[in-house]
Amino acid sequence: MKLKNTGEALEVTNSNLANSVFDDVNLQGASFNNVNLSKSTFADINFSGSRFDNLNFTQVEIGACDTTGMKIRGILVSDLFEAYRRQA
């Protein structure tokens, strides 16, 4: 199914959308619960102001990201990087 130039909100439940492609799509304010995004790729994404809870980040790689103000378990990532650099 192809959706193009639509402005309607979608409510998708109990569905298999594996291998779907989202390009130039506004998902601001979207809610994802009980979703399998394993082996997915995210590029040129604006996650500012987003919240992530109860995630499985096993073998996830994060690179070339602006982590300004980003916290993991309440700790600023910049502080974590600084502590790592001091130990190296």
Protein backbone atom coordinates (compact mmCIF):
# COMPACT_ATOMS: atom_id res chain seq x y z
CA MET A 1 0.00 0.00 0.00
CA LYS A 2 1.32 3.46 -0.82
CA LEU A 3 0.30 6.60 1.05
CA LYS A 4 1.40 9.91 -0.41
CA ASN A 5 0.51 13.49 0.47
CA THR A 6 -1.94 12.42 3.18
CA GLY A 7 -2.64 14.37 6.34
CA GLU A 8 -4.77 11.87 8.22
CA ALA A 9 -3.59 10.25 11.44
CA LEU A 10 -3.21 6.49 11.26
CA GLU A 11 -4.09 4.06 14.02
CA VAL A 12 -2.33 0.79 13.28
CA THR A 13 -2.73 -2.19 15.62
CA ASN A 14 -1.87 -5.87 15.45
CA SER A 15 -0.21 -5.42 12.05
CA ASN A 16 2.93 -6.51 10.24
CA LEU A 17 4.51 -3.53 8.48
CA ALA A 18 7.96 -5.15 8.17
CA ASN A 19 10.20 -3.61 5.52
CA SER A 20 8.08 -0.46 5.32
CA VAL A 21 9.77 2.76 4.23
CA PHE A 22 9.08 6.17 5.72
CA ASP A 23 10.70 9.07 3.84
CA ASP A 24 10.04 12.78 4.39
CA VAL A 25 7.26 11.92 6.86
CA ASN A 26 6.08 13.96 9.85
CA LEU A 27 5.44 11.60 12.77
CA GLN A 28 5.62 14.37 15.39
CA GLY A 29 3.66 13.41 18.49
CA ALA A 30 3.31 9.81 17.30
CA SER A 31 3.16 7.07 19.91
CA PHE A 32 4.90 3.73 19.55
CA ASN A 33 4.05 1.00 22.06
CA ASN A 34 4.93 -2.69 21.87
CA VAL A 35 6.68 -2.17 18.50
CA ASN A 36 9.45 -4.33 17.00
CA LEU A 37 11.99 -2.05 15.29
CA SER A 38 14.86 -4.56 15.37
CA LYS A 39 17.29 -4.29 12.47
CA SER A 40 15.75 -0.94 11.48
CA THR A 41 17.77 2.01 10.21
CA PHE A 42 17.24 5.61 11.28
CA ALA A 43 18.95 8.46 9.43
CA ASP A 44 18.39 12.22 9.42
CA ILE A 45 15.85 11.92 12.25
CA ASN A 46 14.73 14.65 14.66
CA PHE A 47 14.14 12.99 18.05
CA SER A 48 14.41 16.29 20.00
CA GLY A 49 12.14 16.34 23.03
CA SER A 50 11.34 12.62 22.65
CA ARG A 51 11.27 10.14 25.50
CA PHE A 52 12.31 6.49 25.36
CA ASP A 53 11.34 4.06 28.12
CA ASN A 54 11.74 0.30 28.57
CA LEU A 55 13.84 -0.23 25.42
CA ASN A 56 16.12 -3.04 24.34
CA PHE A 57 19.27 -1.39 22.95
CA THR A 58 21.23 -4.67 22.64
CA GLN A 59 23.90 -4.29 19.92
CA VAL A 60 22.63 -0.81 18.91
CA GLU A 61 25.16 1.60 17.38
CA ILE A 62 24.72 5.35 17.62
CA GLY A 63 27.00 7.63 15.63
CA ALA A 64 27.23 11.20 14.33
CA CYS A 65 24.53 12.48 16.69
CA ASP A 66 23.95 15.74 18.52
CA THR A 67 23.56 14.58 22.13
CA THR A 68 23.19 18.06 23.64
CA GLY A 69 21.07 17.71 26.77
CA MET A 70 20.56 13.97 26.20
CA LYS A 71 20.27 11.91 29.38
CA ILE A 72 20.48 8.19 30.02
CA ARG A 73 18.92 7.17 33.33
CA GLY A 74 19.03 10.81 34.40
CA ILE A 75 22.74 11.33 33.61
CA LEU A 76 23.81 13.72 30.88
CA VAL A 77 25.55 11.85 28.06
CA SER A 78 28.14 14.64 27.90
CA ASP A 79 29.04 13.86 31.54
CA LEU A 80 29.30 10.15 30.73
CA PHE A 81 31.64 10.89 27.79
CA GLU A 82 33.76 13.18 29.98
CA ALA A 83 34.09 10.52 32.69
CA TYR A 84 35.07 7.97 30.03
CA ARG A 85 37.73 10.32 28.59
CA ARG A 86 39.21 10.88 32.08
CA GLN A 87 39.60 7.12 32.58
CA ALA A 88 41.24 6.49 29.19
